All heavy atoms as atom14 arrays in JSON, in Angstrom:
{
  "sequence": "EGVLSMPVRPTVPLGRRLYLGAEFLTLHGGGPLLILFVRRA",
  "atom14_mask": [
    [1, 1, 1, 1, 1, 1, 1, 1, 1, 0, 0, 0, 0, 0],
    [1, 1, 1, 1, 0, 0, 0, 0, 0, 0, 0, 0, 0, 0],
    [1, 1, 1, 1, 1, 1, 1, 0, 0, 0, 0, 0, 0, 0],
    [1, 1, 1, 1, 1, 1, 1, 1, 0, 0, 0, 0, 0, 0],
    [1, 1, 1, 1, 1, 1, 0, 0, 0, 0, 0, 0, 0, 0],
    [1, 1, 1, 1, 1, 1, 1, 1, 0, 0, 0, 0, 0, 0],
    [1, 1, 1, 1, 1, 1, 1, 0, 0, 0, 0, 0, 0, 0],
    [1, 1, 1, 1, 1, 1, 1, 0, 0, 0, 0, 0, 0, 0],
    [1, 1, 1, 1, 1, 1, 1, 1, 1, 1, 1, 0, 0, 0],
    [1, 1, 1, 1, 1, 1, 1, 0, 0, 0, 0, 0, 0, 0],
    [1, 1, 1, 1, 1, 1, 1, 0, 0, 0, 0, 0, 0, 0],
    [1, 1, 1, 1, 1, 1, 1, 0, 0, 0, 0, 0, 0, 0],
    [1, 1, 1, 1, 1, 1, 1, 0, 0, 0, 0, 0, 0, 0],
    [1, 1, 1, 1, 1, 1, 1, 1, 0, 0, 0, 0, 0, 0],
    [1, 1, 1, 1, 0, 0, 0, 0, 0, 0, 0, 0, 0, 0],
    [1, 1, 1, 1, 1, 1, 1, 1, 1, 1, 1, 0, 0, 0],
    [1, 1, 1, 1, 1, 1, 1, 1, 1, 1, 1, 0, 0, 0],
    [1, 1, 1, 1, 1, 1, 1, 1, 0, 0, 0, 0, 0, 0],
    [1, 1, 1, 1, 1, 1, 1, 1, 1, 1, 1, 1, 0, 0],
    [1, 1, 1, 1, 1, 1, 1, 1, 0, 0, 0, 0, 0, 0],
    [1, 1, 1, 1, 0, 0, 0, 0, 0, 0, 0, 0, 0, 0],
    [1, 1, 1, 1, 1, 0, 0, 0, 0, 0, 0, 0, 0, 0],
    [1, 1, 1, 1, 1, 1, 1, 1, 1, 0, 0, 0, 0, 0],
    [1, 1, 1, 1, 1, 1, 1, 1, 1, 1, 1, 0, 0, 0],
    [1, 1, 1, 1, 1, 1, 1, 1, 0, 0, 0, 0, 0, 0],
    [1, 1, 1, 1, 1, 1, 1, 0, 0, 0, 0, 0, 0, 0],
    [1, 1, 1, 1, 1, 1, 1, 1, 0, 0, 0, 0, 0, 0],
    [1, 1, 1, 1, 1, 1, 1, 1, 1, 1, 0, 0, 0, 0],
    [1, 1, 1, 1, 0, 0, 0, 0, 0, 0, 0, 0, 0, 0],
    [1, 1, 1, 1, 0, 0, 0, 0, 0, 0, 0, 0, 0, 0],
    [1, 1, 1, 1, 0, 0, 0, 0, 0, 0, 0, 0, 0, 0],
    [1, 1, 1, 1, 1, 1, 1, 0, 0, 0, 0, 0, 0, 0],
    [1, 1, 1, 1, 1, 1, 1, 1, 0, 0, 0, 0, 0, 0],
    [1, 1, 1, 1, 1, 1, 1, 1, 0, 0, 0, 0, 0, 0],
    [1, 1, 1, 1, 1, 1, 1, 1, 0, 0, 0, 0, 0, 0],
    [1, 1, 1, 1, 1, 1, 1, 1, 0, 0, 0, 0, 0, 0],
    [1, 1, 1, 1, 1, 1, 1, 1, 1, 1, 1, 0, 0, 0],
    [1, 1, 1, 1, 1, 1, 1, 0, 0, 0, 0, 0, 0, 0],
    [1, 1, 1, 1, 1, 1, 1, 1, 1, 1, 1, 0, 0, 0],
    [1, 1, 1, 1, 1, 1, 1, 1, 1, 1, 1, 0, 0, 0],
    [1, 1, 1, 1, 1, 0, 0, 0, 0, 0, 0, 0, 0, 0]
  ],
  "atom14_positions": [
    [[37.97, -7.89, 40.38], [37.15, -6.88, 41.05], [36.38, -6.08, 40.0], [36.87, -5.79, 38.92], [38.04, -5.95, 41.87], [38.72, -6.64, 43.04], [39.52, -5.66, 43.89], [39.49, -4.47, 43.55], [40.14, -6.11, 44.85], [0.0, 0.0, 0.0], [0.0, 0.0, 0.0], [0.0, 0.0, 0.0], [0.0, 0.0, 0.0], [0.0, 0.0, 0.0]],
    [[35.19, -5.68, 40.37], [34.36, -4.86, 39.51], [33.64, -5.64, 38.43], [32.94, -5.08, 37.6], [0.0, 0.0, 0.0], [0.0, 0.0, 0.0], [0.0, 0.0, 0.0], [0.0, 0.0, 0.0], [0.0, 0.0, 0.0], [0.0, 0.0, 0.0], [0.0, 0.0, 0.0], [0.0, 0.0, 0.0], [0.0, 0.0, 0.0], [0.0, 0.0, 0.0]],
    [[33.81, -6.95, 38.4], [33.12, -7.76, 37.4], [32.11, -8.64, 38.1], [32.45, -9.34, 39.06], [34.13, -8.63, 36.62], [33.39, -9.46, 35.57], [35.18, -7.77, 35.96], [0.0, 0.0, 0.0], [0.0, 0.0, 0.0], [0.0, 0.0, 0.0], [0.0, 0.0, 0.0], [0.0, 0.0, 0.0], [0.0, 0.0, 0.0], [0.0, 0.0, 0.0]],
    [[30.86, -8.6, 37.65], [29.79, -9.35, 38.3], [29.86, -10.82, 37.92], [29.92, -11.17, 36.75], [28.43, -8.77, 37.87], [27.2, -9.47, 38.43], [27.17, -9.36, 39.94], [25.93, -8.87, 37.83], [0.0, 0.0, 0.0], [0.0, 0.0, 0.0], [0.0, 0.0, 0.0], [0.0, 0.0, 0.0], [0.0, 0.0, 0.0], [0.0, 0.0, 0.0]],
    [[29.88, -11.68, 38.92], [29.91, -13.11, 38.68], [28.55, -13.7, 38.99], [27.97, -13.42, 40.03], [30.97, -13.77, 39.57], [30.97, -15.16, 39.38], [0.0, 0.0, 0.0], [0.0, 0.0, 0.0], [0.0, 0.0, 0.0], [0.0, 0.0, 0.0], [0.0, 0.0, 0.0], [0.0, 0.0, 0.0], [0.0, 0.0, 0.0], [0.0, 0.0, 0.0]],
    [[28.02, -14.48, 38.09], [26.72, -15.08, 38.31], [26.69, -16.44, 37.61], [27.35, -16.64, 36.59], [25.6, -14.19, 37.79], [25.63, -13.91, 36.32], [24.3, -12.81, 35.79], [22.89, -13.82, 36.18], [0.0, 0.0, 0.0], [0.0, 0.0, 0.0], [0.0, 0.0, 0.0], [0.0, 0.0, 0.0], [0.0, 0.0, 0.0], [0.0, 0.0, 0.0]],
    [[25.92, -17.39, 38.15], [25.86, -18.71, 37.54], [25.14, -18.68, 36.21], [24.24, -17.9, 35.99], [25.07, -19.53, 38.57], [24.26, -18.52, 39.31], [25.09, -17.29, 39.36], [0.0, 0.0, 0.0], [0.0, 0.0, 0.0], [0.0, 0.0, 0.0], [0.0, 0.0, 0.0], [0.0, 0.0, 0.0], [0.0, 0.0, 0.0], [0.0, 0.0, 0.0]],
    [[25.6, -19.54, 35.31], [24.95, -19.66, 34.01], [24.05, -20.89, 34.03], [24.46, -21.95, 34.48], [26.01, -19.8, 32.89], [25.33, -19.95, 31.53], [26.94, -18.6, 32.89], [0.0, 0.0, 0.0], [0.0, 0.0, 0.0], [0.0, 0.0, 0.0], [0.0, 0.0, 0.0], [0.0, 0.0, 0.0], [0.0, 0.0, 0.0], [0.0, 0.0, 0.0]],
    [[22.79, -20.74, 33.57], [21.88, -21.87, 33.57], [22.38, -22.96, 32.63], [22.89, -22.67, 31.55], [20.49, -21.42, 33.11], [19.78, -20.5, 34.08], [18.42, -20.13, 33.55], [17.73, -19.22, 34.43], [16.53, -18.72, 34.18], [15.9, -19.05, 33.07], [15.95, -17.88, 35.02], [0.0, 0.0, 0.0], [0.0, 0.0, 0.0], [0.0, 0.0, 0.0]],
    [[22.24, -24.19, 33.02], [22.67, -25.29, 32.14], [21.82, -25.31, 30.87], [20.64, -24.97, 30.88], [22.42, -26.54, 32.98], [21.4, -26.13, 34.0], [21.69, -24.7, 34.29], [0.0, 0.0, 0.0], [0.0, 0.0, 0.0], [0.0, 0.0, 0.0], [0.0, 0.0, 0.0], [0.0, 0.0, 0.0], [0.0, 0.0, 0.0], [0.0, 0.0, 0.0]],
    [[22.46, -25.65, 29.78], [21.77, -25.7, 28.5], [20.75, -26.84, 28.49], [21.05, -27.96, 28.88], [22.77, -25.92, 27.36], [23.73, -24.87, 27.38], [22.06, -25.94, 26.02], [0.0, 0.0, 0.0], [0.0, 0.0, 0.0], [0.0, 0.0, 0.0], [0.0, 0.0, 0.0], [0.0, 0.0, 0.0], [0.0, 0.0, 0.0], [0.0, 0.0, 0.0]],
    [[19.52, -26.5, 28.07], [18.46, -27.51, 27.98], [18.49, -28.11, 26.59], [18.54, -27.38, 25.6], [17.08, -26.86, 28.26], [15.99, -27.9, 28.14], [17.08, -26.21, 29.63], [0.0, 0.0, 0.0], [0.0, 0.0, 0.0], [0.0, 0.0, 0.0], [0.0, 0.0, 0.0], [0.0, 0.0, 0.0], [0.0, 0.0, 0.0], [0.0, 0.0, 0.0]],
    [[18.48, -29.43, 26.47], [18.49, -30.07, 25.15], [17.36, -29.56, 24.27], [16.26, -29.26, 24.74], [18.3, -31.56, 25.47], [18.81, -31.7, 26.87], [18.47, -30.43, 27.56], [0.0, 0.0, 0.0], [0.0, 0.0, 0.0], [0.0, 0.0, 0.0], [0.0, 0.0, 0.0], [0.0, 0.0, 0.0], [0.0, 0.0, 0.0], [0.0, 0.0, 0.0]],
    [[17.64, -29.45, 22.98], [16.65, -28.93, 22.04], [15.37, -29.74, 22.06], [14.27, -29.17, 22.01], [17.25, -28.94, 20.62], [16.31, -28.46, 19.5], [15.86, -27.03, 19.75], [17.0, -28.6, 18.15], [0.0, 0.0, 0.0], [0.0, 0.0, 0.0], [0.0, 0.0, 0.0], [0.0, 0.0, 0.0], [0.0, 0.0, 0.0], [0.0, 0.0, 0.0]],
    [[15.49, -31.04, 22.15], [14.29, -31.88, 22.18], [13.4, -31.56, 23.36], [12.17, -31.52, 23.24], [0.0, 0.0, 0.0], [0.0, 0.0, 0.0], [0.0, 0.0, 0.0], [0.0, 0.0, 0.0], [0.0, 0.0, 0.0], [0.0, 0.0, 0.0], [0.0, 0.0, 0.0], [0.0, 0.0, 0.0], [0.0, 0.0, 0.0], [0.0, 0.0, 0.0]],
    [[14.02, -31.32, 24.51], [13.27, -30.97, 25.71], [12.57, -29.63, 25.55], [11.41, -29.47, 25.94], [14.23, -30.92, 26.91], [13.62, -30.45, 28.23], [12.56, -31.39, 28.73], [12.07, -30.97, 30.04], [11.02, -31.52, 30.63], [10.36, -32.52, 30.05], [10.61, -31.09, 31.82], [0.0, 0.0, 0.0], [0.0, 0.0, 0.0], [0.0, 0.0, 0.0]],
    [[13.25, -28.67, 24.96], [12.65, -27.35, 24.76], [11.49, -27.42, 23.76], [10.47, -26.74, 23.94], [13.71, -26.36, 24.29], [14.83, -26.1, 25.3], [15.65, -24.9, 24.92], [14.88, -23.68, 25.06], [15.32, -22.48, 24.65], [16.48, -22.37, 24.04], [14.57, -21.4, 24.82], [0.0, 0.0, 0.0], [0.0, 0.0, 0.0], [0.0, 0.0, 0.0]],
    [[11.64, -28.23, 22.72], [10.55, -28.39, 21.76], [9.33, -29.03, 22.41], [8.19, -28.65, 22.15], [11.02, -29.23, 20.58], [12.04, -28.57, 19.63], [12.51, -29.56, 18.59], [11.43, -27.33, 18.97], [0.0, 0.0, 0.0], [0.0, 0.0, 0.0], [0.0, 0.0, 0.0], [0.0, 0.0, 0.0], [0.0, 0.0, 0.0], [0.0, 0.0, 0.0]],
    [[9.59, -30.0, 23.28], [8.49, -30.67, 23.99], [7.76, -29.68, 24.9], [6.53, -29.62, 24.91], [9.03, -31.84, 24.81], [7.99, -32.49, 25.7], [7.11, -33.44, 25.18], [7.87, -32.13, 27.04], [6.14, -34.02, 25.97], [6.9, -32.7, 27.85], [6.04, -33.65, 27.31], [5.07, -34.21, 28.11], [0.0, 0.0, 0.0], [0.0, 0.0, 0.0]],
    [[8.54, -28.9, 25.66], [7.92, -27.93, 26.56], [7.17, -26.85, 25.79], [6.11, -26.4, 26.21], [9.0, -27.28, 27.44], [9.61, -28.16, 28.53], [10.76, -27.43, 29.22], [8.57, -28.57, 29.55], [0.0, 0.0, 0.0], [0.0, 0.0, 0.0], [0.0, 0.0, 0.0], [0.0, 0.0, 0.0], [0.0, 0.0, 0.0], [0.0, 0.0, 0.0]],
    [[7.73, -26.44, 24.66], [7.04, -25.45, 23.84], [5.72, -25.95, 23.32], [4.7, -25.23, 23.34], [0.0, 0.0, 0.0], [0.0, 0.0, 0.0], [0.0, 0.0, 0.0], [0.0, 0.0, 0.0], [0.0, 0.0, 0.0], [0.0, 0.0, 0.0], [0.0, 0.0, 0.0], [0.0, 0.0, 0.0], [0.0, 0.0, 0.0], [0.0, 0.0, 0.0]],
    [[5.71, -27.21, 22.85], [4.46, -27.8, 22.36], [3.46, -27.96, 23.49], [2.25, -27.72, 23.31], [4.76, -29.16, 21.72], [0.0, 0.0, 0.0], [0.0, 0.0, 0.0], [0.0, 0.0, 0.0], [0.0, 0.0, 0.0], [0.0, 0.0, 0.0], [0.0, 0.0, 0.0], [0.0, 0.0, 0.0], [0.0, 0.0, 0.0], [0.0, 0.0, 0.0]],
    [[3.94, -28.34, 24.66], [3.06, -28.49, 25.82], [2.46, -27.16, 26.22], [1.25, -27.05, 26.51], [3.85, -29.08, 26.98], [3.04, -29.29, 28.26], [3.9, -29.74, 29.41], [4.2, -30.94, 29.49], [4.29, -28.88, 30.24], [0.0, 0.0, 0.0], [0.0, 0.0, 0.0], [0.0, 0.0, 0.0], [0.0, 0.0, 0.0], [0.0, 0.0, 0.0]],
    [[3.29, -26.12, 26.23], [2.82, -24.78, 26.6], [1.73, -24.31, 25.65], [0.68, -23.8, 26.07], [4.0, -23.8, 26.58], [3.61, -22.38, 26.89], [3.51, -21.95, 28.21], [3.33, -21.48, 25.87], [3.14, -20.64, 28.5], [2.96, -20.18, 26.16], [2.87, -19.75, 27.48], [0.0, 0.0, 0.0], [0.0, 0.0, 0.0], [0.0, 0.0, 0.0]],
    [[1.95, -24.47, 24.35], [0.96, -24.04, 23.36], [-0.32, -24.85, 23.46], [-1.42, -24.31, 23.29], [1.55, -24.16, 21.96], [2.68, -23.19, 21.62], [3.24, -23.48, 20.24], [2.19, -21.74, 21.7], [0.0, 0.0, 0.0], [0.0, 0.0, 0.0], [0.0, 0.0, 0.0], [0.0, 0.0, 0.0], [0.0, 0.0, 0.0], [0.0, 0.0, 0.0]],
    [[-0.19, -26.14, 23.75], [-1.37, -27.0, 23.88], [-2.22, -26.59, 25.08], [-3.45, -26.45, 24.97], [-0.95, -28.47, 24.02], [-0.21, -28.87, 22.86], [-2.18, -29.36, 24.17], [0.0, 0.0, 0.0], [0.0, 0.0, 0.0], [0.0, 0.0, 0.0], [0.0, 0.0, 0.0], [0.0, 0.0, 0.0], [0.0, 0.0, 0.0], [0.0, 0.0, 0.0]],
    [[-1.57, -26.41, 26.22], [-2.3, -26.07, 27.45], [-2.85, -24.66, 27.42], [-4.03, -24.43, 27.7], [-1.38, -26.26, 28.66], [-0.96, -27.69, 28.99], [0.01, -27.69, 30.17], [-2.17, -28.55, 29.31], [0.0, 0.0, 0.0], [0.0, 0.0, 0.0], [0.0, 0.0, 0.0], [0.0, 0.0, 0.0], [0.0, 0.0, 0.0], [0.0, 0.0, 0.0]],
    [[-1.99, -23.7, 27.1], [-2.38, -22.29, 27.22], [-2.95, -21.69, 25.94], [-3.51, -20.59, 25.97], [-1.19, -21.47, 27.71], [-0.71, -21.84, 29.07], [-1.44, -21.57, 30.21], [0.39, -22.5, 29.5], [-0.79, -22.03, 31.27], [0.31, -22.6, 30.87], [0.0, 0.0, 0.0], [0.0, 0.0, 0.0], [0.0, 0.0, 0.0], [0.0, 0.0, 0.0]],
    [[-2.82, -22.41, 24.84], [-3.44, -21.98, 23.6], [-4.63, -22.84, 23.24], [-5.74, -22.35, 23.03], [0.0, 0.0, 0.0], [0.0, 0.0, 0.0], [0.0, 0.0, 0.0], [0.0, 0.0, 0.0], [0.0, 0.0, 0.0], [0.0, 0.0, 0.0], [0.0, 0.0, 0.0], [0.0, 0.0, 0.0], [0.0, 0.0, 0.0], [0.0, 0.0, 0.0]],
    [[-4.39, -24.15, 23.21], [-5.46, -25.07, 22.85], [-6.56, -25.17, 23.89], [-7.73, -25.34, 23.55], [0.0, 0.0, 0.0], [0.0, 0.0, 0.0], [0.0, 0.0, 0.0], [0.0, 0.0, 0.0], [0.0, 0.0, 0.0], [0.0, 0.0, 0.0], [0.0, 0.0, 0.0], [0.0, 0.0, 0.0], [0.0, 0.0, 0.0], [0.0, 0.0, 0.0]],
    [[-6.2, -25.07, 25.16], [-7.19, -25.18, 26.24], [-8.31, -24.15, 26.12], [-9.5, -24.52, 26.05], [0.0, 0.0, 0.0], [0.0, 0.0, 0.0], [0.0, 0.0, 0.0], [0.0, 0.0, 0.0], [0.0, 0.0, 0.0], [0.0, 0.0, 0.0], [0.0, 0.0, 0.0], [0.0, 0.0, 0.0], [0.0, 0.0, 0.0], [0.0, 0.0, 0.0]],
    [[-7.96, -22.85, 26.08], [-9.02, -21.84, 25.93], [-9.81, -21.98, 24.65], [-11.03, -21.75, 24.63], [-8.23, -20.51, 25.95], [-7.0, -20.82, 26.72], [-6.66, -22.24, 26.36], [0.0, 0.0, 0.0], [0.0, 0.0, 0.0], [0.0, 0.0, 0.0], [0.0, 0.0, 0.0], [0.0, 0.0, 0.0], [0.0, 0.0, 0.0], [0.0, 0.0, 0.0]],
    [[-9.15, -22.36, 23.55], [-9.87, -22.52, 22.28], [-10.86, -23.68, 22.35], [-11.96, -23.59, 21.81], [-8.86, -22.76, 21.15], [-8.0, -21.55, 20.76], [-6.99, -21.95, 19.68], [-8.86, -20.39, 20.3], [0.0, 0.0, 0.0], [0.0, 0.0, 0.0], [0.0, 0.0, 0.0], [0.0, 0.0, 0.0], [0.0, 0.0, 0.0], [0.0, 0.0, 0.0]],
    [[-10.48, -24.75, 23.04], [-11.39, -25.89, 23.2], [-12.63, -25.48, 23.99], [-13.76, -25.8, 23.6], [-10.66, -27.03, 23.91], [-11.54, -28.24, 24.33], [-12.13, -28.91, 23.1], [-10.73, -29.22, 25.16], [0.0, 0.0, 0.0], [0.0, 0.0, 0.0], [0.0, 0.0, 0.0], [0.0, 0.0, 0.0], [0.0, 0.0, 0.0], [0.0, 0.0, 0.0]],
    [[-12.42, -24.78, 25.09], [-13.54, -24.34, 25.92], [-14.43, -23.38, 25.15], [-15.66, -23.43, 25.23], [-13.02, -23.68, 27.21], [-12.29, -24.72, 28.06], [-14.18, -23.07, 28.0], [-11.57, -24.13, 29.25], [0.0, 0.0, 0.0], [0.0, 0.0, 0.0], [0.0, 0.0, 0.0], [0.0, 0.0, 0.0], [0.0, 0.0, 0.0], [0.0, 0.0, 0.0]],
    [[-13.81, -22.5, 24.36], [-14.59, -21.55, 23.57], [-15.41, -22.27, 22.51], [-16.54, -21.87, 22.2], [-13.65, -20.53, 22.9], [-14.32, -19.4, 22.12], [-15.24, -18.59, 23.02], [-13.25, -18.5, 21.5], [0.0, 0.0, 0.0], [0.0, 0.0, 0.0], [0.0, 0.0, 0.0], [0.0, 0.0, 0.0], [0.0, 0.0, 0.0], [0.0, 0.0, 0.0]],
    [[-14.86, -23.34, 21.97], [-15.58, -24.11, 20.94], [-16.78, -24.83, 21.56], [-17.88, -24.85, 20.99], [-14.63, -25.12, 20.3], [-15.29, -26.02, 19.29], [-15.61, -25.55, 18.03], [-15.61, -27.33, 19.62], [-16.23, -26.38, 17.1], [-16.23, -28.16, 18.7], [-16.54, -27.69, 17.44], [0.0, 0.0, 0.0], [0.0, 0.0, 0.0], [0.0, 0.0, 0.0]],
    [[-16.59, -25.42, 22.74], [-17.66, -26.18, 23.39], [-18.67, -25.26, 24.06], [-19.88, -25.5, 24.03], [-17.06, -27.17, 24.42], [-18.18, -27.92, 25.14], [-16.13, -28.15, 23.72], [0.0, 0.0, 0.0], [0.0, 0.0, 0.0], [0.0, 0.0, 0.0], [0.0, 0.0, 0.0], [0.0, 0.0, 0.0], [0.0, 0.0, 0.0], [0.0, 0.0, 0.0]],
    [[-18.16, -24.21, 24.69], [-18.99, -23.21, 25.38], [-19.9, -23.82, 26.44], [-21.13, -23.72, 26.37], [-19.82, -22.39, 24.38], [-18.96, -21.6, 23.42], [-19.73, -20.54, 22.67], [-18.89, -19.88, 21.7], [-19.24, -18.81, 20.99], [-20.44, -18.29, 21.15], [-18.42, -18.28, 20.12], [0.0, 0.0, 0.0], [0.0, 0.0, 0.0], [0.0, 0.0, 0.0]],
    [[-19.25, -24.46, 27.42], [-19.96, -25.02, 28.56], [-19.3, -24.5, 29.83], [-18.12, -24.75, 30.07], [-19.93, -26.54, 28.54], [-20.69, -27.19, 27.39], [-22.2, -27.05, 27.58], [-22.94, -27.76, 26.55], [-23.28, -27.25, 25.38], [-22.94, -26.0, 25.08], [-23.95, -27.96, 24.5], [0.0, 0.0, 0.0], [0.0, 0.0, 0.0], [0.0, 0.0, 0.0]],
    [[-20.06, -23.75, 30.63], [-19.49, -23.16, 31.85], [-18.98, -24.24, 32.79], [-17.95, -24.07, 33.44], [-20.54, -22.3, 32.55], [0.0, 0.0, 0.0], [0.0, 0.0, 0.0], [0.0, 0.0, 0.0], [0.0, 0.0, 0.0], [0.0, 0.0, 0.0], [0.0, 0.0, 0.0], [0.0, 0.0, 0.0], [0.0, 0.0, 0.0], [0.0, 0.0, 0.0]]
  ]
}
């Protein structure tokens, strides 16, 4: 009693996290930079 119980998220493999991190940076970092470089509406 008095202790909060909550599920713990399963651990994501390091390789998967590295892949998602690279994907995130490519899409949300590289995407805007590419459009800014080309400058076509």
